[in-house]
C-alpha cells in the first residue's frame, strides 16, 4: 500500500515572543471522490483514519452523471483514506493524536442545515477545529451528527457495512458535498516551539 499513498508533513513554529494558548492543529480535506455530490465520510478512531466512500454502487448524482460535467468512476468506485500518522505535541511533549473528527457540507448542494455548512468567519473555523459545528453546537451521536443525541468528538465511527453501527450509510443521508477535519488540541505552543503533523492519503 505504501506505493499507493501520498505523504504530507506540515511544520508549525511559534516565532512570536508570547505563547499561543488553546490552539488546534488540523488536517482539512475536501475529498470529491469522482462526483462531488454523492460522497459519504467516516472515521476509524483506532487508526486515526478518516475515509470517504460513495453513497451507492454508481458514482454520480444520477447514475454515472455528475453536475458540471465532472468525470466519475461510474461502477468502479475507489475508497480514499487519510491516515493521521503523527499529530502535534502538547506543551509537555506528549503526542495528542486525532482528538476529533468532524465534517461540514457545501451549503449549495442538497440543502443541509445552516449550522453544518462552510465556515465564513474566524469563530466558525475555530468551532470546527475544536470539534463543534459552525454555530457552536456540539456534534452529536446519531443521524447526521447535528443536534440528534449525546455530544461526541468523532462523527460516523462505525464501518459502513455494519448494519447496526452509526455511519452515513446506515443513517441514509441525502446527497451532499462533504469536507472533513481531523484535529488535535487544545494545546499551548510556547515561543520557539516546533510542532508537526504527518498524514498519509491512501487510495
N, C-alpha and C. Protein backbone atom coordinates (compact mmCIF):
# COMPACT_ATOMS: atom_id res chain seq x y z
N UNK A 1 0.80 -1.22 0.00
CA UNK A 1 0.00 0.00 0.00
C UNK A 1 0.83 1.27 0.00
N UNK A 2 2.10 1.15 0.46
CA UNK A 2 2.91 2.36 0.60
C UNK A 2 3.16 3.04 -0.75
N UNK A 3 3.11 2.26 -1.86
CA UNK A 3 3.30 2.85 -3.18
C UNK A 3 2.02 3.48 -3.72
N UNK A 4 0.93 3.35 -3.00
CA UNK A 4 -0.34 3.97 -3.38
C UNK A 4 -0.74 5.02 -2.35
N UNK A 5 0.24 5.73 -1.82
CA UNK A 5 -0.01 6.74 -0.79
C UNK A 5 0.70 8.04 -1.13
N UNK A 6 0.14 9.11 -0.63
CA UNK A 6 0.80 10.42 -0.68
C UNK A 6 1.02 10.87 0.76
N UNK A 7 2.26 11.20 1.09
CA UNK A 7 2.57 11.64 2.45
C UNK A 7 2.68 13.16 2.48
N UNK A 8 2.20 13.75 3.56
CA UNK A 8 2.29 15.20 3.72
C UNK A 8 2.79 15.50 5.14
N UNK A 9 3.75 16.40 5.23
CA UNK A 9 4.32 16.77 6.52
C UNK A 9 4.24 18.29 6.66
N UNK A 10 3.62 18.72 7.73
CA UNK A 10 3.46 20.15 8.00
C UNK A 10 4.21 20.50 9.28
N UNK A 11 4.94 21.60 9.26
CA UNK A 11 5.68 22.03 10.44
C UNK A 11 5.16 23.40 10.88
N UNK A 12 4.90 23.52 12.16
CA UNK A 12 4.38 24.76 12.74
C UNK A 12 5.36 25.26 13.80
N UNK A 13 5.83 26.49 13.64
CA UNK A 13 6.79 27.08 14.58
C UNK A 13 6.22 28.37 15.13
N UNK A 14 6.26 28.52 16.43
CA UNK A 14 5.83 29.77 17.04
C UNK A 14 7.03 30.71 17.12
N UNK A 15 7.08 31.68 16.23
CA UNK A 15 8.20 32.63 16.22
C UNK A 15 7.88 33.91 16.99
N UNK A 16 6.73 33.90 17.66
CA UNK A 16 6.35 35.07 18.46
C UNK A 16 7.06 35.03 19.82
N UNK A 17 6.89 36.09 20.59
CA UNK A 17 7.51 36.15 21.92
C UNK A 17 6.51 35.74 23.01
N UNK A 18 5.27 35.43 22.59
CA UNK A 18 4.26 35.01 23.55
C UNK A 18 3.73 33.63 23.17
N UNK A 19 3.21 32.92 24.17
CA UNK A 19 2.63 31.61 23.92
C UNK A 19 1.29 31.76 23.19
N UNK A 20 0.96 30.76 22.38
CA UNK A 20 -0.34 30.68 21.74
C UNK A 20 -1.14 29.66 22.53
N UNK A 21 -2.21 30.09 23.13
CA UNK A 21 -2.96 29.23 24.04
C UNK A 21 -4.20 28.66 23.35
N UNK A 22 -4.63 27.49 23.83
CA UNK A 22 -5.87 26.85 23.37
C UNK A 22 -5.93 26.73 21.85
N UNK A 23 -4.84 26.28 21.27
CA UNK A 23 -4.80 26.18 19.81
C UNK A 23 -5.08 24.75 19.36
N UNK A 24 -5.45 24.64 18.09
CA UNK A 24 -5.73 23.35 17.46
C UNK A 24 -4.96 23.27 16.15
N UNK A 25 -4.55 22.07 15.81
CA UNK A 25 -3.84 21.80 14.57
C UNK A 25 -4.68 20.75 13.85
N UNK A 26 -4.98 20.95 12.57
CA UNK A 26 -5.91 20.03 11.91
C UNK A 26 -5.56 19.81 10.45
N UNK A 27 -6.07 18.69 9.94
CA UNK A 27 -5.99 18.38 8.51
C UNK A 27 -7.39 18.53 7.93
N UNK A 28 -7.53 19.41 6.95
CA UNK A 28 -8.81 19.64 6.27
C UNK A 28 -8.74 18.97 4.91
N UNK A 29 -9.79 18.21 4.56
CA UNK A 29 -9.81 17.52 3.28
C UNK A 29 -11.16 17.72 2.61
N UNK A 30 -11.13 18.13 1.36
CA UNK A 30 -12.33 18.17 0.52
C UNK A 30 -12.14 17.06 -0.51
N UNK A 31 -12.57 15.83 -0.21
CA UNK A 31 -12.13 14.67 -1.00
C UNK A 31 -12.67 14.59 -2.42
N UNK A 32 -13.93 14.95 -2.65
CA UNK A 32 -14.51 14.90 -4.00
C UNK A 32 -14.10 13.61 -4.73
N UNK A 33 -14.61 12.50 -4.26
CA UNK A 33 -14.29 11.19 -4.81
C UNK A 33 -15.07 11.01 -6.12
N UNK A 34 -14.44 11.39 -7.24
CA UNK A 34 -15.17 11.40 -8.50
C UNK A 34 -16.21 12.49 -8.47
N UNK A 35 -17.49 12.10 -8.54
CA UNK A 35 -18.57 13.09 -8.44
C UNK A 35 -18.61 13.64 -7.01
N UNK A 36 -18.68 14.95 -6.88
CA UNK A 36 -18.57 15.58 -5.57
C UNK A 36 -19.88 15.61 -4.79
N UNK A 37 -20.98 15.20 -5.40
CA UNK A 37 -22.28 15.34 -4.72
C UNK A 37 -22.78 14.06 -4.06
N UNK A 38 -22.03 12.96 -4.17
CA UNK A 38 -22.56 11.70 -3.62
C UNK A 38 -21.54 10.98 -2.74
N UNK A 39 -20.75 11.75 -1.98
CA UNK A 39 -19.74 11.17 -1.11
C UNK A 39 -20.26 11.03 0.32
N UNK A 40 -19.88 9.94 0.96
CA UNK A 40 -20.10 9.72 2.38
C UNK A 40 -18.72 9.72 3.05
N UNK A 41 -18.66 10.12 4.33
CA UNK A 41 -17.40 10.14 5.07
C UNK A 41 -17.58 9.43 6.41
N UNK A 42 -16.47 9.02 6.99
CA UNK A 42 -16.49 8.38 8.29
C UNK A 42 -15.08 8.32 8.84
N UNK A 43 -14.94 7.72 10.04
CA UNK A 43 -13.61 7.63 10.65
C UNK A 43 -13.45 6.33 11.41
N UNK A 44 -12.19 5.91 11.52
CA UNK A 44 -11.80 4.78 12.34
C UNK A 44 -10.91 5.35 13.44
N UNK A 45 -11.46 5.48 14.64
CA UNK A 45 -10.71 6.14 15.72
C UNK A 45 -9.50 5.33 16.17
N UNK A 46 -9.54 4.00 16.03
CA UNK A 46 -8.40 3.18 16.45
C UNK A 46 -7.19 3.40 15.56
N UNK A 47 -7.41 3.87 14.34
CA UNK A 47 -6.32 4.14 13.40
C UNK A 47 -6.12 5.63 13.15
N UNK A 48 -6.90 6.49 13.78
CA UNK A 48 -6.87 7.93 13.50
C UNK A 48 -7.03 8.17 12.00
N UNK A 49 -7.98 7.44 11.43
CA UNK A 49 -8.17 7.42 9.98
C UNK A 49 -9.51 8.02 9.60
N UNK A 50 -9.50 8.92 8.63
CA UNK A 50 -10.72 9.41 8.01
C UNK A 50 -10.84 8.76 6.65
N UNK A 51 -12.06 8.53 6.20
CA UNK A 51 -12.20 7.92 4.88
C UNK A 51 -13.44 8.46 4.18
N UNK A 52 -13.41 8.35 2.86
CA UNK A 52 -14.54 8.78 2.03
C UNK A 52 -14.88 7.65 1.07
N UNK A 53 -16.17 7.43 0.89
CA UNK A 53 -16.64 6.37 0.01
C UNK A 53 -17.90 6.86 -0.69
N UNK A 54 -18.36 6.11 -1.67
CA UNK A 54 -19.53 6.53 -2.44
C UNK A 54 -20.81 6.10 -1.74
N UNK A 55 -21.87 6.87 -1.88
CA UNK A 55 -23.11 6.55 -1.18
C UNK A 55 -23.85 5.36 -1.78
N UNK A 56 -23.54 5.01 -3.04
CA UNK A 56 -24.18 3.85 -3.65
C UNK A 56 -23.21 3.22 -4.64
N UNK A 57 -23.70 2.25 -5.42
CA UNK A 57 -22.82 1.47 -6.30
C UNK A 57 -22.37 2.22 -7.55
N UNK A 58 -23.01 3.35 -7.86
CA UNK A 58 -22.64 4.14 -9.03
C UNK A 58 -22.20 5.53 -8.60
N UNK A 59 -21.05 5.95 -9.08
CA UNK A 59 -20.52 7.27 -8.75
C UNK A 59 -21.14 8.30 -9.67
N UNK A 60 -22.06 9.08 -9.12
CA UNK A 60 -22.72 10.12 -9.89
C UNK A 60 -23.98 10.56 -9.17
N UNK A 61 -24.45 11.76 -9.47
CA UNK A 61 -25.67 12.24 -8.81
C UNK A 61 -26.89 11.51 -9.37
N UNK A 62 -26.88 11.26 -10.68
CA UNK A 62 -27.91 10.44 -11.33
C UNK A 62 -27.19 9.40 -12.17
N UNK A 63 -27.23 8.14 -11.74
CA UNK A 63 -26.46 7.12 -12.44
C UNK A 63 -24.99 7.45 -12.37
N UNK A 64 -24.33 7.52 -13.52
CA UNK A 64 -22.91 7.86 -13.57
C UNK A 64 -22.67 9.31 -14.01
N UNK A 65 -23.73 10.10 -14.06
CA UNK A 65 -23.60 11.50 -14.48
C UNK A 65 -23.44 12.41 -13.27
N UNK A 66 -22.61 13.43 -13.40
CA UNK A 66 -22.34 14.37 -12.32
C UNK A 66 -22.51 15.80 -12.83
N UNK A 67 -22.97 16.73 -11.96
CA UNK A 67 -23.11 18.13 -12.37
C UNK A 67 -21.80 18.72 -12.88
N UNK A 68 -21.91 19.72 -13.72
CA UNK A 68 -20.78 20.46 -14.27
C UNK A 68 -19.87 19.60 -15.15
N UNK A 69 -20.36 18.44 -15.60
CA UNK A 69 -19.56 17.59 -16.47
C UNK A 69 -18.38 16.91 -15.80
N UNK A 70 -18.41 16.81 -14.46
CA UNK A 70 -17.31 16.17 -13.73
C UNK A 70 -17.25 14.69 -14.08
N UNK A 71 -16.04 14.20 -14.37
CA UNK A 71 -15.87 12.78 -14.67
C UNK A 71 -16.09 11.95 -13.42
N UNK A 72 -16.65 10.76 -13.58
CA UNK A 72 -16.93 9.90 -12.44
C UNK A 72 -16.24 8.55 -12.61
N UNK A 73 -16.26 7.76 -11.52
CA UNK A 73 -15.73 6.40 -11.56
C UNK A 73 -16.79 5.41 -12.01
N UNK A 74 -18.00 5.87 -12.20
CA UNK A 74 -19.14 5.04 -12.61
C UNK A 74 -19.28 3.84 -11.66
N UNK A 75 -19.06 2.61 -12.13
CA UNK A 75 -19.26 1.44 -11.27
C UNK A 75 -17.94 0.86 -10.75
N UNK A 76 -16.84 1.61 -10.88
CA UNK A 76 -15.55 1.18 -10.33
C UNK A 76 -15.06 2.24 -9.34
N UNK A 77 -15.74 2.33 -8.21
CA UNK A 77 -15.51 3.42 -7.27
C UNK A 77 -14.47 3.03 -6.22
N UNK A 78 -13.40 3.82 -6.06
CA UNK A 78 -12.42 3.53 -5.01
C UNK A 78 -12.86 4.08 -3.67
N UNK A 79 -12.04 3.85 -2.67
CA UNK A 79 -12.21 4.45 -1.34
C UNK A 79 -10.92 5.20 -1.04
N UNK A 80 -11.02 6.35 -0.42
CA UNK A 80 -9.85 7.14 -0.05
C UNK A 80 -9.76 7.22 1.47
N UNK A 81 -8.56 6.98 2.01
CA UNK A 81 -8.34 7.13 3.44
C UNK A 81 -7.30 8.19 3.71
N UNK A 82 -7.45 8.91 4.81
CA UNK A 82 -6.47 9.91 5.25
C UNK A 82 -6.00 9.51 6.64
N UNK A 83 -4.79 8.99 6.70
CA UNK A 83 -4.24 8.44 7.93
C UNK A 83 -3.47 9.52 8.68
N UNK A 84 -3.90 9.77 9.90
CA UNK A 84 -3.30 10.79 10.76
C UNK A 84 -2.12 10.13 11.49
N UNK A 85 -0.97 10.04 10.81
CA UNK A 85 0.16 9.28 11.35
C UNK A 85 0.70 9.85 12.65
N UNK A 86 0.97 11.14 12.63
CA UNK A 86 1.54 11.75 13.83
C UNK A 86 0.97 13.13 14.02
N UNK A 87 0.34 13.33 15.15
CA UNK A 87 -0.24 14.62 15.46
C UNK A 87 0.74 15.48 16.22
N UNK A 88 0.38 16.70 16.53
CA UNK A 88 1.27 17.61 17.25
C UNK A 88 1.47 17.16 18.70
N UNK A 89 2.47 17.76 19.32
CA UNK A 89 2.77 17.51 20.73
C UNK A 89 2.21 18.64 21.58
N UNK A 90 1.77 18.30 22.78
CA UNK A 90 1.32 19.35 23.69
C UNK A 90 2.53 19.99 24.37
N UNK A 91 2.27 20.91 25.28
CA UNK A 91 3.36 21.65 25.92
C UNK A 91 4.25 20.77 26.80
N UNK A 92 3.78 19.54 27.11
CA UNK A 92 4.58 18.60 27.90
C UNK A 92 5.32 17.58 27.03
N UNK A 93 5.19 17.72 25.71
CA UNK A 93 5.87 16.81 24.81
C UNK A 93 5.11 15.54 24.52
N UNK A 94 3.85 15.46 24.94
CA UNK A 94 3.03 14.27 24.68
C UNK A 94 2.30 14.42 23.36
N UNK A 95 2.28 13.33 22.56
CA UNK A 95 1.58 13.37 21.29
C UNK A 95 0.07 13.35 21.49
N UNK A 96 -0.63 14.25 20.83
CA UNK A 96 -2.07 14.38 21.02
C UNK A 96 -2.88 13.43 20.15
N UNK A 97 -2.40 13.18 18.93
CA UNK A 97 -3.18 12.34 18.03
C UNK A 97 -4.44 13.06 17.56
N UNK A 98 -5.37 12.29 17.00
CA UNK A 98 -6.61 12.86 16.47
C UNK A 98 -7.62 12.99 17.61
N UNK A 99 -7.84 14.21 18.06
CA UNK A 99 -8.75 14.43 19.20
C UNK A 99 -10.19 14.65 18.77
N UNK A 100 -10.42 14.88 17.47
CA UNK A 100 -11.79 14.96 16.96
C UNK A 100 -11.80 14.71 15.46
N UNK A 101 -12.94 14.19 15.00
CA UNK A 101 -13.18 14.05 13.57
C UNK A 101 -14.55 14.65 13.29
N UNK A 102 -14.56 15.71 12.49
CA UNK A 102 -15.81 16.39 12.17
C UNK A 102 -15.90 16.59 10.66
N UNK A 103 -17.03 17.08 10.23
CA UNK A 103 -17.23 17.33 8.80
C UNK A 103 -18.17 18.51 8.64
N UNK A 104 -18.22 19.05 7.45
CA UNK A 104 -19.25 20.04 7.14
C UNK A 104 -19.63 19.92 5.68
N UNK A 105 -20.71 20.59 5.32
CA UNK A 105 -21.31 20.46 4.00
C UNK A 105 -21.17 21.72 3.16
N UNK A 106 -21.05 21.53 1.87
CA UNK A 106 -21.19 22.63 0.93
C UNK A 106 -22.66 23.07 0.97
N UNK A 107 -22.90 24.28 1.41
CA UNK A 107 -24.27 24.76 1.58
C UNK A 107 -25.06 24.84 0.29
N UNK A 108 -24.37 24.80 -0.85
CA UNK A 108 -25.06 24.91 -2.13
C UNK A 108 -25.47 23.57 -2.73
N UNK A 109 -25.22 22.47 -2.00
CA UNK A 109 -25.55 21.14 -2.52
C UNK A 109 -26.45 20.41 -1.52
N UNK A 110 -27.68 20.17 -1.89
CA UNK A 110 -28.57 19.33 -1.08
C UNK A 110 -29.32 20.00 0.05
N UNK A 111 -29.09 21.26 0.32
CA UNK A 111 -29.83 21.97 1.36
C UNK A 111 -29.59 21.49 2.78
N UNK A 112 -28.32 21.35 3.24
CA UNK A 112 -28.04 20.92 4.61
C UNK A 112 -28.39 22.00 5.63
N UNK A 113 -28.50 21.64 6.93
CA UNK A 113 -28.77 22.65 7.96
C UNK A 113 -27.70 23.74 7.96
N UNK A 114 -28.06 25.01 8.11
CA UNK A 114 -27.09 26.10 8.06
C UNK A 114 -25.94 25.96 9.05
N UNK A 115 -26.20 25.34 10.20
CA UNK A 115 -25.15 25.18 11.21
C UNK A 115 -24.09 24.17 10.84
N UNK A 116 -24.25 23.49 9.69
CA UNK A 116 -23.30 22.45 9.28
C UNK A 116 -22.63 22.76 7.95
N UNK A 117 -22.63 24.03 7.56
CA UNK A 117 -22.09 24.38 6.24
C UNK A 117 -20.74 25.09 6.37
N UNK A 118 -20.19 25.53 5.23
CA UNK A 118 -18.85 26.10 5.19
C UNK A 118 -18.68 27.25 6.18
N UNK A 119 -17.56 27.29 6.89
CA UNK A 119 -17.30 28.42 7.79
C UNK A 119 -16.99 29.67 6.98
N UNK A 120 -17.35 30.82 7.54
CA UNK A 120 -17.07 32.08 6.84
C UNK A 120 -16.40 33.12 7.72
N UNK A 121 -16.44 32.95 9.04
CA UNK A 121 -15.78 33.88 9.97
C UNK A 121 -14.89 33.07 10.90
N UNK A 122 -13.97 33.77 11.58
CA UNK A 122 -12.96 33.11 12.41
C UNK A 122 -13.57 32.19 13.46
N UNK A 123 -14.64 32.62 14.11
CA UNK A 123 -15.23 31.80 15.17
C UNK A 123 -15.76 30.47 14.62
N UNK A 124 -16.32 30.50 13.41
CA UNK A 124 -16.84 29.26 12.81
C UNK A 124 -15.70 28.30 12.47
N UNK A 125 -14.58 28.84 11.98
CA UNK A 125 -13.41 27.99 11.73
C UNK A 125 -12.93 27.35 13.03
N UNK A 126 -12.86 28.15 14.08
CA UNK A 126 -12.39 27.63 15.38
C UNK A 126 -13.37 26.60 15.93
N UNK A 127 -14.66 26.81 15.72
CA UNK A 127 -15.65 25.84 16.18
C UNK A 127 -15.42 24.48 15.54
N UNK A 128 -15.21 24.45 14.24
CA UNK A 128 -14.96 23.17 13.57
C UNK A 128 -13.65 22.55 14.06
N UNK A 129 -12.60 23.37 14.19
CA UNK A 129 -11.32 22.86 14.66
C UNK A 129 -11.41 22.25 16.06
N UNK A 130 -12.27 22.82 16.89
CA UNK A 130 -12.38 22.36 18.27
C UNK A 130 -13.46 21.29 18.45
N UNK A 131 -13.99 20.77 17.35
CA UNK A 131 -14.92 19.65 17.43
C UNK A 131 -16.38 20.01 17.54
N UNK A 132 -16.74 21.24 17.17
CA UNK A 132 -18.13 21.68 17.21
C UNK A 132 -18.61 22.03 15.80
N UNK A 133 -19.90 22.24 15.66
CA UNK A 133 -20.46 22.69 14.39
C UNK A 133 -20.19 24.18 14.21
N UNK A 134 -20.46 24.70 13.04
CA UNK A 134 -20.20 26.11 12.75
C UNK A 134 -20.91 27.03 13.72
N UNK A 135 -22.13 26.66 14.13
CA UNK A 135 -22.89 27.51 15.04
C UNK A 135 -22.53 27.30 16.50
N UNK A 136 -21.52 26.49 16.78
CA UNK A 136 -21.06 26.28 18.15
C UNK A 136 -21.71 25.11 18.87
N UNK A 137 -22.74 24.53 18.29
CA UNK A 137 -23.38 23.37 18.93
C UNK A 137 -22.48 22.15 18.76
N UNK A 138 -22.50 21.22 19.73
CA UNK A 138 -21.61 20.07 19.62
C UNK A 138 -22.07 19.09 18.56
N UNK A 139 -21.14 18.34 18.02
CA UNK A 139 -21.52 17.20 17.21
C UNK A 139 -22.19 16.19 18.13
N UNK A 140 -23.19 15.49 17.61
CA UNK A 140 -23.97 14.59 18.45
C UNK A 140 -24.08 13.21 17.81
N UNK A 141 -24.37 12.23 18.63
CA UNK A 141 -24.45 10.85 18.16
C UNK A 141 -25.79 10.61 17.46
N UNK A 142 -25.72 10.07 16.24
CA UNK A 142 -26.92 9.69 15.51
C UNK A 142 -27.20 10.54 14.28
N UNK A 143 -27.88 9.96 13.32
CA UNK A 143 -28.31 10.61 12.09
C UNK A 143 -27.14 11.38 11.46
N UNK A 144 -27.29 12.71 11.21
CA UNK A 144 -26.23 13.48 10.54
C UNK A 144 -25.27 14.14 11.52
N UNK A 145 -25.35 13.78 12.81
CA UNK A 145 -24.47 14.28 13.87
C UNK A 145 -24.77 15.72 14.26
N UNK A 146 -25.92 16.24 13.84
CA UNK A 146 -26.27 17.62 14.16
C UNK A 146 -27.54 17.65 15.01
N UNK A 147 -27.38 17.97 16.29
CA UNK A 147 -28.49 18.14 17.23
C UNK A 147 -29.41 16.90 17.26
N UNK A 148 -28.78 15.73 17.45
CA UNK A 148 -29.55 14.48 17.44
C UNK A 148 -29.49 13.70 18.75
N UNK A 149 -28.38 13.75 19.48
CA UNK A 149 -28.25 12.92 20.68
C UNK A 149 -27.16 13.46 21.58
N UNK A 150 -26.42 12.54 22.22
CA UNK A 150 -25.36 12.93 23.14
C UNK A 150 -24.17 13.52 22.39
N UNK A 151 -23.48 14.49 23.00
CA UNK A 151 -22.31 15.10 22.35
C UNK A 151 -21.20 14.08 22.10
N UNK A 152 -20.54 14.19 20.95
CA UNK A 152 -19.42 13.31 20.59
C UNK A 152 -18.31 14.15 19.98
N UNK A 153 -17.11 13.60 19.99
CA UNK A 153 -15.96 14.24 19.35
C UNK A 153 -15.63 13.62 18.00
N UNK A 154 -16.22 12.45 17.72
CA UNK A 154 -15.93 11.75 16.48
C UNK A 154 -17.24 11.40 15.80
N UNK A 155 -17.39 11.81 14.55
CA UNK A 155 -18.63 11.54 13.82
C UNK A 155 -18.48 10.28 12.95
N UNK A 156 -19.54 9.50 12.88
CA UNK A 156 -19.62 8.33 11.99
C UNK A 156 -18.45 7.38 12.22
N UNK A 157 -18.47 6.76 13.40
CA UNK A 157 -17.34 5.96 13.87
C UNK A 157 -17.43 4.48 13.51
N UNK A 158 -18.52 4.04 12.92
CA UNK A 158 -18.66 2.61 12.61
C UNK A 158 -18.51 2.34 11.12
N UNK A 159 -18.12 1.11 10.81
CA UNK A 159 -17.94 0.72 9.41
C UNK A 159 -19.25 0.80 8.65
N UNK A 160 -19.22 1.29 7.42
CA UNK A 160 -20.46 1.43 6.63
C UNK A 160 -21.19 0.11 6.40
N UNK A 161 -20.46 -1.01 6.43
CA UNK A 161 -21.12 -2.30 6.19
C UNK A 161 -21.63 -2.94 7.48
N UNK A 162 -21.59 -2.22 8.60
CA UNK A 162 -22.16 -2.70 9.86
C UNK A 162 -23.60 -2.19 9.94
N UNK A 163 -24.59 -3.05 9.77
CA UNK A 163 -25.98 -2.57 9.73
C UNK A 163 -26.48 -2.02 11.06
N UNK A 164 -25.78 -2.33 12.16
CA UNK A 164 -26.19 -1.82 13.47
C UNK A 164 -25.33 -0.65 13.93
N UNK A 165 -24.32 -0.28 13.12
CA UNK A 165 -23.42 0.80 13.50
C UNK A 165 -23.91 2.15 13.04
N UNK A 166 -23.16 3.19 13.44
CA UNK A 166 -23.50 4.56 13.07
C UNK A 166 -22.55 5.02 11.96
N UNK A 167 -23.09 5.16 10.77
CA UNK A 167 -22.35 5.66 9.63
C UNK A 167 -23.30 6.48 8.76
N UNK A 168 -22.78 7.20 7.81
CA UNK A 168 -23.65 7.92 6.87
C UNK A 168 -24.49 6.94 6.08
N UNK A 169 -23.95 5.73 5.89
CA UNK A 169 -24.67 4.71 5.14
C UNK A 169 -25.91 4.26 5.91
N UNK A 170 -25.75 3.90 7.19
CA UNK A 170 -26.91 3.45 7.97
C UNK A 170 -27.86 4.60 8.26
N UNK A 171 -27.32 5.84 8.32
CA UNK A 171 -28.20 7.00 8.51
C UNK A 171 -28.95 7.36 7.24
N UNK A 172 -28.52 6.79 6.10
CA UNK A 172 -29.17 7.01 4.80
C UNK A 172 -29.31 8.51 4.51
N UNK A 173 -28.19 9.21 4.63
CA UNK A 173 -28.21 10.67 4.44
C UNK A 173 -28.40 11.02 2.97
N UNK A 174 -29.00 12.17 2.69
CA UNK A 174 -29.20 12.59 1.30
C UNK A 174 -27.88 12.99 0.65
N UNK A 175 -27.91 13.17 -0.66
CA UNK A 175 -26.68 13.53 -1.37
C UNK A 175 -26.14 14.86 -0.84
N UNK A 176 -24.84 15.03 -0.94
CA UNK A 176 -24.21 16.25 -0.46
C UNK A 176 -22.73 16.27 -0.82
N UNK A 177 -22.12 17.43 -0.60
CA UNK A 177 -20.69 17.64 -0.85
C UNK A 177 -20.04 17.90 0.50
N UNK A 178 -19.27 16.93 0.98
CA UNK A 178 -18.74 16.99 2.35
C UNK A 178 -17.25 17.26 2.39
N UNK A 179 -16.82 17.95 3.48
CA UNK A 179 -15.41 18.16 3.76
C UNK A 179 -15.13 17.61 5.17
N UNK A 180 -13.92 17.09 5.42
CA UNK A 180 -13.60 16.50 6.72
C UNK A 180 -12.51 17.29 7.43
N UNK A 181 -12.51 17.18 8.77
CA UNK A 181 -11.49 17.83 9.59
C UNK A 181 -11.02 16.84 10.66
N UNK A 182 -9.73 16.51 10.63
CA UNK A 182 -9.11 15.70 11.68
C UNK A 182 -8.26 16.65 12.51
N UNK A 183 -8.62 16.83 13.77
CA UNK A 183 -7.99 17.88 14.58
C UNK A 183 -7.32 17.32 15.83
N UNK A 184 -6.35 18.09 16.31
CA UNK A 184 -5.67 17.83 17.58
C UNK A 184 -5.72 19.09 18.42
N UNK A 185 -6.00 18.92 19.71
CA UNK A 185 -6.00 20.07 20.60
C UNK A 185 -7.02 19.92 21.70
N UNK A 186 -7.10 20.91 22.58
CA UNK A 186 -6.29 22.14 22.58
C UNK A 186 -4.92 21.91 23.21
N UNK A 187 -3.97 22.74 22.82
CA UNK A 187 -2.65 22.71 23.44
C UNK A 187 -2.05 24.10 23.38
N UNK A 188 -0.95 24.29 24.12
CA UNK A 188 -0.27 25.59 24.15
C UNK A 188 1.02 25.46 23.35
N UNK A 189 1.26 26.43 22.48
CA UNK A 189 2.50 26.45 21.70
C UNK A 189 3.35 27.61 22.21
N UNK A 190 4.44 27.27 22.91
CA UNK A 190 5.29 28.29 23.52
C UNK A 190 6.23 28.91 22.50
N UNK A 191 6.80 30.07 22.81
CA UNK A 191 7.73 30.72 21.88
C UNK A 191 8.89 29.79 21.50
N UNK A 192 9.15 29.68 20.21
CA UNK A 192 10.22 28.83 19.73
C UNK A 192 9.86 27.37 19.59
N UNK A 193 8.68 26.98 20.08
CA UNK A 193 8.28 25.57 20.00
C UNK A 193 8.00 25.18 18.55
N UNK A 194 8.34 23.93 18.23
CA UNK A 194 8.12 23.40 16.88
C UNK A 194 7.17 22.22 16.97
N UNK A 195 6.17 22.22 16.13
CA UNK A 195 5.22 21.13 16.09
C UNK A 195 5.04 20.67 14.65
N UNK A 196 4.69 19.40 14.48
CA UNK A 196 4.48 18.92 13.12
C UNK A 196 3.30 17.96 13.06
N UNK A 197 2.76 17.87 11.87
CA UNK A 197 1.65 16.97 11.58
C UNK A 197 2.02 16.18 10.33
N UNK A 198 1.91 14.84 10.41
CA UNK A 198 2.22 13.98 9.28
C UNK A 198 1.00 13.14 8.96
N UNK A 199 0.58 13.18 7.71
CA UNK A 199 -0.56 12.37 7.27
C UNK A 199 -0.18 11.58 6.03
N UNK A 200 -0.93 10.52 5.80
CA UNK A 200 -0.77 9.75 4.58
C UNK A 200 -2.12 9.54 3.94
N UNK A 201 -2.25 9.84 2.67
CA UNK A 201 -3.50 9.63 1.95
C UNK A 201 -3.38 8.33 1.16
N UNK A 202 -4.26 7.38 1.45
CA UNK A 202 -4.22 6.04 0.85
C UNK A 202 -5.38 5.90 -0.11
N UNK A 203 -5.11 5.43 -1.34
CA UNK A 203 -6.22 5.22 -2.27
C UNK A 203 -6.18 3.82 -2.84
